[in-house]
Each structure stands twice: as structure tokens, then as C-alpha cells.
């Protein structure tokens, strides 16, 4: 048997328990809204356009052979560094040398003939002067004077003819000497030999086109050819900062600036008329003093559209645009008392995830990024 005091205690406990259960039931059955928030902090923002590019030498030249013949000597190999004017290769020049020797001999013969005809011209001039003096003194008939004048005219014509022939022979000889000089191929620039397309002993025919011999490039400055999508090309402009890395060296970043935007779409020889992607070529140069960048490398390029350091950032997912220019947004802020307040903010630069807050929010405030409503509070426990 419980004593009266114990019975009173149990009755009080029962009442308290009943009231607690009732309060708990009332509290748990009320609706609840849970806010997902993010504290506003300062940070860096950057918007980029990504593209794939290919590295090429900025300055390069394909060295060809302008005469037909057999390659007798190759003095370089791929990878060699050459100076401008350095001898690279020689073509068999025996036929060309023979043509030059024949031209020089013919020129010497014509010069001798010219001396002979100049002497005849001088003699004809003397005879004409003598016949003219005699004719004026009535000591010779006019026919003899006319004969002397005709002989002089013939001598003068022969001299002019030989002079023209000599000039023609000089021109032909100069052409032969030039062709002979083409048998020795010199470096047109200082650089590195990238490739050689022929071998010693190979015969080249230059009658229809200039056969390629080798390629030389200056590797101290490289040029990146990046292909930018038509959807992003309007963001790109000359002077825009760039950073890129190569697929084989992702840990190193090179920096440069946009140099040129090609006005026509990039067209690959393998492209068909049914291709879907349209890209435009953007060119920029980068120093390569250590030789880490090699022709043909593939690059991952980021064109930096905008960037800012230590600015107040708000996630774009929590904002609602109220202007077409992307400057005004509405944001929901969770106040310390648990209520929310809607603010209008002015935004600045932005990337894919965040925007810079210029006015309307302060660092440390809780920005509502999501809400979840429950019909009963205890539903949020499961």
C-alpha cells in the first residue's frame, strides 16, 4: 500500500507527464520550415572561357630545293641548331657548272668579236672622213662617199648587234650562275631543324614544284593556336589575359595575352560539311627560353574574362535576377531571430557559381540557399 504522500507524488507526476505529452504533441504537430544557409564571406572570383589549343613555332620556314638533281651532302640532322647562312645541303652541280662554264666561254668569244667589229667600225669611220674630204675637194666621186657611209653603217649595226648579244648572254649566264648557287642550300634563319624530308643520294625534280628539303623554326618564342567555341568567342578580345598548361605538364602554368582573333571559322581538312561545332582560332605568343614547349603539344587554355580578389561573394543559386543586365538580384537573408528578410542587392563580376556583392549584404550574414517545409515538426526527424 502506498502512503498518502506517495500517492500525491504519483498524481503530480501523472499530471506533469500528461501536460508534457500534450505540449510535445502540440509542438511536434506544428509546421516547420528548415532553412539551408551559407555565411557570406570574402573570396576571389574568376570567370574563364576554356579551350583546347596546339603549340606551333611563331617563326618557321620550309626550306626547299629550286634545282633538280641528286642530294650529295646533308650537313644537318633533326634537332640541330643552325645559324642564318649556314650550309645545310648540296645538290649535284656538275651539269649546272658545265652550263656556267659554257656561258662564260660564249661571253668571252662575243667580247672578242665585239673588239673585232669595233676595230672595223673605227676603220670605216676613218674611210668615211677621208672620202668626205676628197668629195668636198672634187677628188672622188659621190658613189665612193656613199659606199664609205654604207660600210660605216653596217659596222655600227654589227657592233650594236654584238652588244645586244653580249647582254643577252650575260643575262643567261647570270641565270645559270643563280641556278648553280641554288645547288648549295643555306639556312634562311637561325633556329632548330625540326624535320628533314630527304636523304643523301635522293634525286629531286624541281620542274613542277619546289621539293621540300627540311623545316627550320625558332623555338625561343612559341605560338598557341586555340580553338574557341562560337558560343564563347564574343567574350574574347585582344589583350585579354590567358593562362594555359600542357597535357604532359599540368603542374606548370604559362601566362600570356590574346594577340589575334582570326575572323573566319577554323576549318580542319578532316571536317565535313555536316560538322556541328563551329570554332574560331585565337592566337597568342609565349616565351620558351627553357625549351619546355615543343611543337605539336596540346594545351588546355583558360581565357580570363574577369577576376577580383577579396570581394564579398554570394552563390548565384540563391539569387533571383530582377534586371536584364544581370546587375540587380533579390536575396533572402536569415535574421538572428529566425525570421527571413528579402534584400535587393547590386552584383558585380561573376563566374559560374558566385557573384560579387556590391551593395545589399554584409559579411557574416546568413544567405538562404534552400528551404524545406514540413507539415509537422516531427517529420523533420526522419
Protein backbone atom coordinates (compact mmCIF):
# COMPACT_ATOMS: atom_id res chain seq x y z
CA UNK A 1 0.00 0.00 0.00
CA UNK A 2 1.22 3.45 -0.91
CA UNK A 3 1.09 6.10 1.68
CA UNK A 4 -0.93 9.24 1.08
CA UNK A 5 2.22 11.25 0.43
CA UNK A 6 3.40 8.74 -2.14
CA UNK A 7 0.00 8.77 -3.83
CA UNK A 8 0.17 12.57 -4.07
CA UNK A 9 3.61 12.37 -5.70
CA UNK A 10 2.38 9.92 -8.28
CA UNK A 11 -0.65 12.03 -9.05
CA UNK A 12 1.58 15.10 -9.56
CA UNK A 13 3.93 13.11 -11.79
CA UNK A 14 0.99 11.83 -13.82
CA UNK A 15 -0.33 15.34 -14.31
CA UNK A 16 3.12 16.63 -15.32
CA UNK A 17 3.56 13.72 -17.74
CA UNK A 18 0.12 14.28 -19.24
CA UNK A 19 0.79 18.01 -19.71
CA UNK A 20 4.26 17.28 -21.18
CA UNK A 21 2.84 14.79 -23.65
CA UNK A 22 0.17 17.27 -24.65
CA UNK A 23 2.66 20.09 -25.11
CA UNK A 24 5.00 17.82 -27.02
CA UNK A 25 2.14 16.67 -29.26
CA UNK A 26 1.11 20.26 -29.90
CA UNK A 27 4.71 21.35 -30.56
CA UNK A 28 5.53 18.38 -32.80
CA UNK A 29 2.37 18.67 -34.87
CA UNK A 30 3.02 22.29 -35.84
CA UNK A 31 4.52 23.06 -39.33
CA UNK A 32 8.26 23.72 -39.61
CA UNK A 33 10.42 25.37 -42.25
CA UNK A 34 14.12 24.45 -42.27
CA UNK A 35 16.48 26.90 -43.95
CA UNK A 36 19.73 25.91 -45.61
CA UNK A 37 22.04 28.87 -45.30
CA UNK A 38 25.53 29.95 -46.28
CA UNK A 39 27.51 32.53 -44.38
CA UNK A 40 28.66 35.38 -46.60
CA UNK A 41 32.44 35.64 -46.72
CA UNK A 42 35.03 37.33 -48.89
CA UNK A 43 37.00 35.46 -51.50
CA UNK A 44 38.40 35.52 -55.00
CA UNK A 45 36.26 35.32 -58.13
CA UNK A 46 37.27 34.47 -61.65
CA UNK A 47 35.37 33.74 -64.85
CA UNK A 48 37.15 31.92 -67.66
CA UNK A 49 36.49 30.50 -71.12
CA UNK A 50 38.16 27.14 -71.62
CA UNK A 51 39.58 25.96 -74.94
CA UNK A 52 41.98 23.42 -76.38
CA UNK A 53 44.99 24.64 -78.33
CA UNK A 54 48.05 23.47 -80.22
CA UNK A 55 51.59 24.81 -79.90
CA UNK A 56 53.50 25.85 -83.01
CA UNK A 57 56.68 27.88 -83.58
CA UNK A 58 55.93 31.55 -84.14
CA UNK A 59 58.69 31.83 -86.75
CA UNK A 60 59.39 28.90 -89.04
CA UNK A 61 60.31 28.28 -92.66
CA UNK A 62 60.13 25.32 -95.02
CA UNK A 63 63.40 25.15 -96.93
CA UNK A 64 63.01 23.85 -100.48
CA UNK A 65 65.30 22.99 -103.40
CA UNK A 66 64.96 25.10 -106.55
CA UNK A 67 67.05 22.87 -108.85
CA UNK A 68 66.70 19.26 -109.90
CA UNK A 69 69.40 16.78 -109.06
CA UNK A 70 70.75 14.33 -106.56
CA UNK A 71 71.35 15.30 -102.93
CA UNK A 72 75.08 14.75 -102.50
CA UNK A 73 75.52 16.04 -98.94
CA UNK A 74 73.33 16.70 -95.91
CA UNK A 75 75.17 18.60 -93.19
CA UNK A 76 72.42 18.70 -90.52
CA UNK A 77 70.01 16.37 -88.78
CA UNK A 78 66.73 16.94 -86.89
CA UNK A 79 67.30 18.76 -83.62
CA UNK A 80 70.43 20.59 -84.78
CA UNK A 81 70.68 24.32 -84.12
CA UNK A 82 71.74 26.28 -87.20
CA UNK A 83 72.73 29.89 -87.82
CA UNK A 84 71.46 32.05 -90.64
CA UNK A 85 73.64 31.49 -93.72
CA UNK A 86 74.93 28.09 -92.57
CA UNK A 87 75.35 25.46 -95.32
CA UNK A 88 72.66 22.80 -94.95
CA UNK A 89 72.91 20.59 -98.04
CA UNK A 90 74.34 20.32 -101.55
CA UNK A 91 72.81 19.12 -104.80
CA UNK A 92 74.89 17.56 -107.59
CA UNK A 93 76.00 20.66 -109.52
CA UNK A 94 78.09 19.19 -112.38
CA UNK A 95 75.51 19.93 -115.09
CA UNK A 96 74.97 23.45 -113.73
CA UNK A 97 78.71 24.08 -113.53
CA UNK A 98 79.09 22.97 -117.15
CA UNK A 99 76.33 25.37 -118.22
CA UNK A 100 78.06 28.24 -116.41
CA UNK A 101 81.42 27.41 -117.98
CA UNK A 102 79.82 27.28 -121.44
CA UNK A 103 78.14 30.63 -120.85
CA UNK A 104 81.37 32.24 -119.74
CA UNK A 105 83.18 30.87 -122.79
CA UNK A 106 80.49 32.15 -125.13
CA UNK A 107 80.63 35.56 -123.43
CA UNK A 108 84.40 35.69 -123.89
CA UNK A 109 84.03 34.78 -127.60
CA UNK A 110 81.40 37.50 -128.11
CA UNK A 111 83.60 40.09 -126.41
CA UNK A 112 86.44 39.17 -128.80
CA UNK A 113 84.08 39.51 -131.76
CA UNK A 114 82.96 42.87 -130.42
CA UNK A 115 86.55 44.09 -130.29
CA UNK A 116 86.98 42.96 -133.91
CA UNK A 117 83.86 44.76 -135.10
CA UNK A 118 84.71 47.86 -133.09
CA UNK A 119 88.05 47.94 -134.92
CA UNK A 120 86.23 47.59 -138.26
CA UNK A 121 83.88 50.38 -137.20
CA UNK A 122 86.86 52.63 -136.39
CA UNK A 123 88.39 51.88 -139.80
CA UNK A 124 85.07 52.60 -141.54
CA UNK A 125 84.82 55.96 -139.74
CA UNK A 126 88.31 56.87 -140.93
CA UNK A 127 87.50 55.89 -144.54
CA UNK A 128 84.27 57.90 -144.46
CA UNK A 129 86.09 61.03 -143.21
CA UNK A 130 88.70 60.64 -145.94
CA UNK A 131 86.09 60.16 -148.66
CA UNK A 132 84.15 63.15 -147.37
CA UNK A 133 87.27 65.35 -147.53
CA UNK A 134 88.06 64.14 -151.04
CA UNK A 135 84.47 64.69 -152.16
CA UNK A 136 84.47 68.25 -150.87
CA UNK A 137 87.64 68.87 -152.89
CA UNK A 138 86.16 67.23 -156.02
CA UNK A 139 88.76 64.48 -155.83
CA UNK A 140 86.42 61.47 -155.61
CA UNK A 141 83.04 60.58 -156.98
CA UNK A 142 79.94 60.69 -154.79
CA UNK A 143 79.46 56.93 -155.18
CA UNK A 144 82.70 56.28 -153.22
CA UNK A 145 81.46 58.53 -150.38
CA UNK A 146 78.14 56.70 -150.32
CA UNK A 147 79.92 53.34 -150.22
CA UNK A 148 82.05 54.50 -147.27
CA UNK A 149 78.95 55.73 -145.41
CA UNK A 150 77.14 52.40 -146.00
CA UNK A 151 80.16 50.43 -144.80
CA UNK A 152 80.26 52.55 -141.62
CA UNK A 153 76.52 52.00 -141.01
CA UNK A 154 76.95 48.23 -141.40
CA UNK A 155 79.88 48.26 -138.96
CA UNK A 156 77.86 50.25 -136.43
CA UNK A 157 74.90 47.84 -136.72
CA UNK A 158 77.19 44.85 -136.20
CA UNK A 159 78.63 46.43 -133.06
CA UNK A 160 75.13 47.09 -131.69
CA UNK A 161 74.07 43.56 -132.57
CA UNK A 162 77.03 42.09 -130.75
CA UNK A 163 76.46 44.36 -127.76
CA UNK A 164 72.84 43.11 -127.54
CA UNK A 165 74.03 39.51 -127.93
CA UNK A 166 76.55 40.03 -125.15
CA UNK A 167 73.85 41.50 -122.89
CA UNK A 168 71.62 38.50 -123.62
CA UNK A 169 74.46 36.08 -122.92
CA UNK A 170 75.27 37.91 -119.66
CA UNK A 171 71.63 37.52 -118.56
CA UNK A 172 71.62 33.83 -119.42
CA UNK A 173 74.93 33.39 -117.63
CA UNK A 174 73.58 35.20 -114.58
CA UNK A 175 70.57 32.86 -114.57
CA UNK A 176 72.87 29.83 -114.83
CA UNK A 177 75.07 31.16 -112.03
CA UNK A 178 71.97 31.71 -109.90
CA UNK A 179 70.80 28.16 -110.57
CA UNK A 180 74.28 26.95 -109.68
CA UNK A 181 74.09 28.84 -106.38
CA UNK A 182 70.81 27.04 -105.66
CA UNK A 183 72.75 23.77 -105.57
CA UNK A 184 74.09 24.85 -102.18
CA UNK A 185 71.26 25.31 -99.69
CA UNK A 186 71.84 27.72 -96.82
CA UNK A 187 69.80 28.38 -93.70
CA UNK A 188 67.47 31.39 -94.23
CA UNK A 189 67.15 31.95 -90.47
CA UNK A 190 68.66 31.00 -87.14
CA UNK A 191 66.75 28.19 -85.47
CA UNK A 192 66.34 24.48 -84.89
CA UNK A 193 65.95 21.85 -87.60
CA UNK A 194 62.54 20.29 -86.95
CA UNK A 195 62.42 17.75 -89.76
CA UNK A 196 64.25 16.61 -92.89
CA UNK A 197 62.22 15.28 -95.80
CA UNK A 198 65.07 13.85 -97.95
CA UNK A 199 68.11 11.61 -97.68
CA UNK A 200 71.57 11.74 -99.19
CA UNK A 201 71.50 10.19 -102.67
CA UNK A 202 67.84 11.04 -103.24
CA UNK A 203 67.07 12.69 -106.58
CA UNK A 204 64.72 15.68 -106.60
CA UNK A 205 62.73 17.07 -109.52
CA UNK A 206 62.06 20.79 -109.31
CA UNK A 207 60.49 21.18 -112.75
CA UNK A 208 56.90 21.23 -111.48
CA UNK A 209 57.16 22.28 -107.81
CA UNK A 210 59.74 23.12 -105.21
CA UNK A 211 60.60 19.85 -103.42
CA UNK A 212 60.70 20.21 -99.62
CA UNK A 213 64.06 19.64 -98.01
CA UNK A 214 63.72 20.50 -94.31
CA UNK A 215 61.96 22.76 -91.82
CA UNK A 216 63.67 25.27 -89.54
CA UNK A 217 61.96 27.05 -86.66
CA UNK A 218 62.89 29.50 -83.93
CA UNK A 219 61.78 27.75 -80.74
CA UNK A 220 62.56 30.66 -78.40
CA UNK A 221 59.03 32.02 -78.93
CA UNK A 222 56.08 29.70 -79.48
CA UNK A 223 52.60 30.45 -80.77
CA UNK A 224 49.48 28.79 -79.37
CA UNK A 225 46.55 28.27 -81.71
CA UNK A 226 43.45 27.88 -79.53
CA UNK A 227 40.04 26.95 -80.94
CA UNK A 228 37.25 28.79 -79.12
CA UNK A 229 33.59 27.84 -79.46
CA UNK A 230 31.29 30.24 -81.29
CA UNK A 231 29.27 30.49 -78.07
CA UNK A 232 32.27 31.96 -76.23
CA UNK A 233 34.18 33.86 -78.90
CA UNK A 234 32.28 37.12 -78.21
CA UNK A 235 33.88 37.14 -74.74
CA UNK A 236 37.41 37.14 -76.20
CA UNK A 237 39.25 40.32 -77.17
CA UNK A 238 42.90 41.23 -77.88
CA UNK A 239 44.97 41.86 -74.77
CA UNK A 240 42.86 39.58 -72.57
CA UNK A 241 44.97 37.65 -70.02
CA UNK A 242 45.47 33.94 -70.63
CA UNK A 243 46.88 31.01 -68.71
CA UNK A 244 47.47 27.51 -70.03
CA UNK A 245 49.18 24.25 -69.34
CA UNK A 246 50.19 21.32 -71.50
CA UNK A 247 48.67 17.87 -71.18
CA UNK A 248 52.05 16.44 -70.28
CA UNK A 249 52.84 19.08 -67.64
CA UNK A 250 49.63 20.05 -65.87
CA UNK A 251 51.53 21.30 -62.83
CA UNK A 252 53.14 24.20 -64.68
CA UNK A 253 51.15 27.21 -65.82
CA UNK A 254 52.21 29.62 -68.56
CA UNK A 255 50.70 33.10 -68.92
CA UNK A 256 50.19 35.33 -71.94
CA UNK A 257 47.71 37.69 -73.59
CA UNK A 258 45.44 37.35 -76.62
CA UNK A 259 47.28 38.50 -79.71
CA UNK A 260 44.89 37.95 -82.61
CA UNK A 261 41.42 36.58 -83.29
CA UNK A 262 41.02 35.11 -86.75
CA UNK A 263 37.83 36.41 -88.42
CA UNK A 264 36.93 33.18 -90.26
CA UNK A 265 35.90 29.93 -88.54
CA UNK A 266 38.57 27.31 -88.10
CA UNK A 267 38.33 24.57 -90.73
CA UNK A 268 40.11 21.28 -90.38
CA UNK A 269 40.94 19.33 -93.51
CA UNK A 270 39.08 16.39 -91.96
CA UNK A 271 35.93 18.42 -91.33
CA UNK A 272 32.85 17.56 -93.35
CA UNK A 273 30.01 19.81 -94.42
CA UNK A 274 27.90 18.20 -91.71
CA UNK A 275 30.14 19.19 -88.80
CA UNK A 276 28.24 20.60 -85.87
CA UNK A 277 30.86 22.52 -83.89
CA UNK A 278 31.98 25.93 -85.12
CA UNK A 279 35.16 27.29 -83.58
CA UNK A 280 37.32 30.37 -84.14
CA UNK A 281 41.08 30.47 -83.90
CA UNK A 282 42.71 32.67 -81.27
CA UNK A 283 46.47 33.21 -81.46
CA UNK A 284 48.89 34.25 -78.74
CA UNK A 285 52.64 34.02 -78.22
CA UNK A 286 54.64 32.83 -75.21
CA UNK A 287 58.36 32.89 -74.41
CA UNK A 288 60.06 29.49 -74.43
CA UNK A 289 63.53 30.20 -73.12
CA UNK A 290 63.88 26.82 -71.42
CA UNK A 291 62.51 24.81 -74.35
CA UNK A 292 59.73 23.19 -72.31
CA UNK A 293 57.16 23.95 -75.01
CA UNK A 294 57.54 21.78 -78.11
CA UNK A 295 55.78 21.98 -81.49
CA UNK A 296 52.61 19.93 -81.66
CA UNK A 297 51.87 19.88 -77.93
CA UNK A 298 48.24 20.12 -76.87
CA UNK A 299 47.32 22.84 -74.39
CA UNK A 300 44.44 23.49 -72.01
CA UNK A 301 43.79 27.23 -72.28
CA UNK A 302 41.82 29.45 -69.91
CA UNK A 303 40.87 32.92 -71.16
CA UNK A 304 40.33 35.05 -68.05
CA UNK A 305 37.18 37.09 -68.73
CA UNK A 306 37.07 38.76 -65.31
CA UNK A 307 38.67 38.35 -61.89
CA UNK A 308 38.66 40.02 -58.49
CA UNK A 309 40.46 39.46 -55.20
CA UNK A 310 38.94 39.52 -51.69
CA UNK A 311 35.39 40.52 -52.59
CA UNK A 312 32.07 39.59 -50.92
CA UNK A 313 30.68 36.52 -52.67
CA UNK A 314 27.12 35.25 -52.96
CA UNK A 315 26.10 31.97 -54.65
CA UNK A 316 24.12 32.53 -57.82
CA UNK A 317 21.80 29.65 -56.90
CA UNK A 318 20.42 31.72 -54.00
CA UNK A 319 19.66 34.82 -56.07
CA UNK A 320 16.80 35.81 -58.34
CA UNK A 321 17.54 38.24 -61.14
CA UNK A 322 15.37 41.35 -61.30
CA UNK A 323 17.10 43.15 -64.20
CA UNK A 324 18.01 42.05 -67.69
CA UNK A 325 21.58 43.32 -67.42
CA UNK A 326 22.39 40.98 -64.54
CA UNK A 327 23.17 43.73 -62.03
CA UNK A 328 20.14 43.56 -59.66
CA UNK A 329 19.10 40.46 -57.71
CA UNK A 330 16.81 39.51 -54.83
CA UNK A 331 18.29 37.58 -51.91
CA UNK A 332 16.72 36.05 -48.79
CA UNK A 333 18.62 36.62 -45.53
CA UNK A 334 18.09 34.63 -42.31
CA UNK A 335 17.98 37.03 -39.36
CA UNK A 336 19.26 36.18 -35.86
CA UNK A 337 15.64 35.89 -34.59
CA UNK A 338 14.94 33.06 -37.07
CA UNK A 339 12.88 35.15 -39.47
CA UNK A 340 13.91 35.89 -43.05
CA UNK A 341 14.20 39.17 -44.88
CA UNK A 342 14.29 39.81 -48.62
CA UNK A 343 17.01 42.15 -49.85
CA UNK A 344 17.79 43.69 -53.21
CA UNK A 345 21.48 43.51 -53.99
CA UNK A 346 23.70 45.03 -56.64
CA UNK A 347 26.04 42.49 -58.23
CA UNK A 348 29.36 42.99 -59.94
CA UNK A 349 31.64 40.43 -61.53
CA UNK A 350 30.63 36.81 -61.50
CA UNK A 351 31.65 33.33 -62.53
CA UNK A 352 29.64 30.15 -62.99
CA UNK A 353 28.84 29.75 -59.26
CA UNK A 354 29.27 33.09 -57.47
CA UNK A 355 28.77 36.79 -57.99
CA UNK A 356 30.44 39.75 -56.38
CA UNK A 357 28.11 41.64 -53.99
CA UNK A 358 28.49 45.40 -54.26
CA UNK A 359 25.57 46.54 -52.09
CA UNK A 360 22.73 44.98 -50.09
CA UNK A 361 24.56 42.38 -47.98
CA UNK A 362 27.24 42.39 -45.31
CA UNK A 363 29.95 39.85 -44.47
CA UNK A 364 28.82 37.28 -41.92
CA UNK A 365 25.11 37.40 -42.77
CA UNK A 366 23.36 34.10 -43.45
CA UNK A 367 22.07 33.86 -47.00
CA UNK A 368 19.26 31.36 -47.56
CA UNK A 369 20.27 28.96 -50.31
CA UNK A 370 17.41 26.49 -49.85
CA UNK A 371 14.29 25.74 -47.79
CA UNK A 372 12.44 22.59 -46.77
CA UNK A 373 8.90 22.78 -45.37
CA UNK A 374 7.41 20.10 -43.08
CA UNK A 375 3.68 19.85 -42.27
CA UNK A 376 4.59 18.59 -38.77
CA UNK A 377 7.77 19.28 -36.89
CA UNK A 378 8.44 15.67 -36.08
CA UNK A 379 8.51 14.82 -39.83
CA UNK A 380 11.92 16.52 -39.95
CA UNK A 381 13.31 13.88 -37.61
CA UNK A 382 13.07 11.04 -40.07
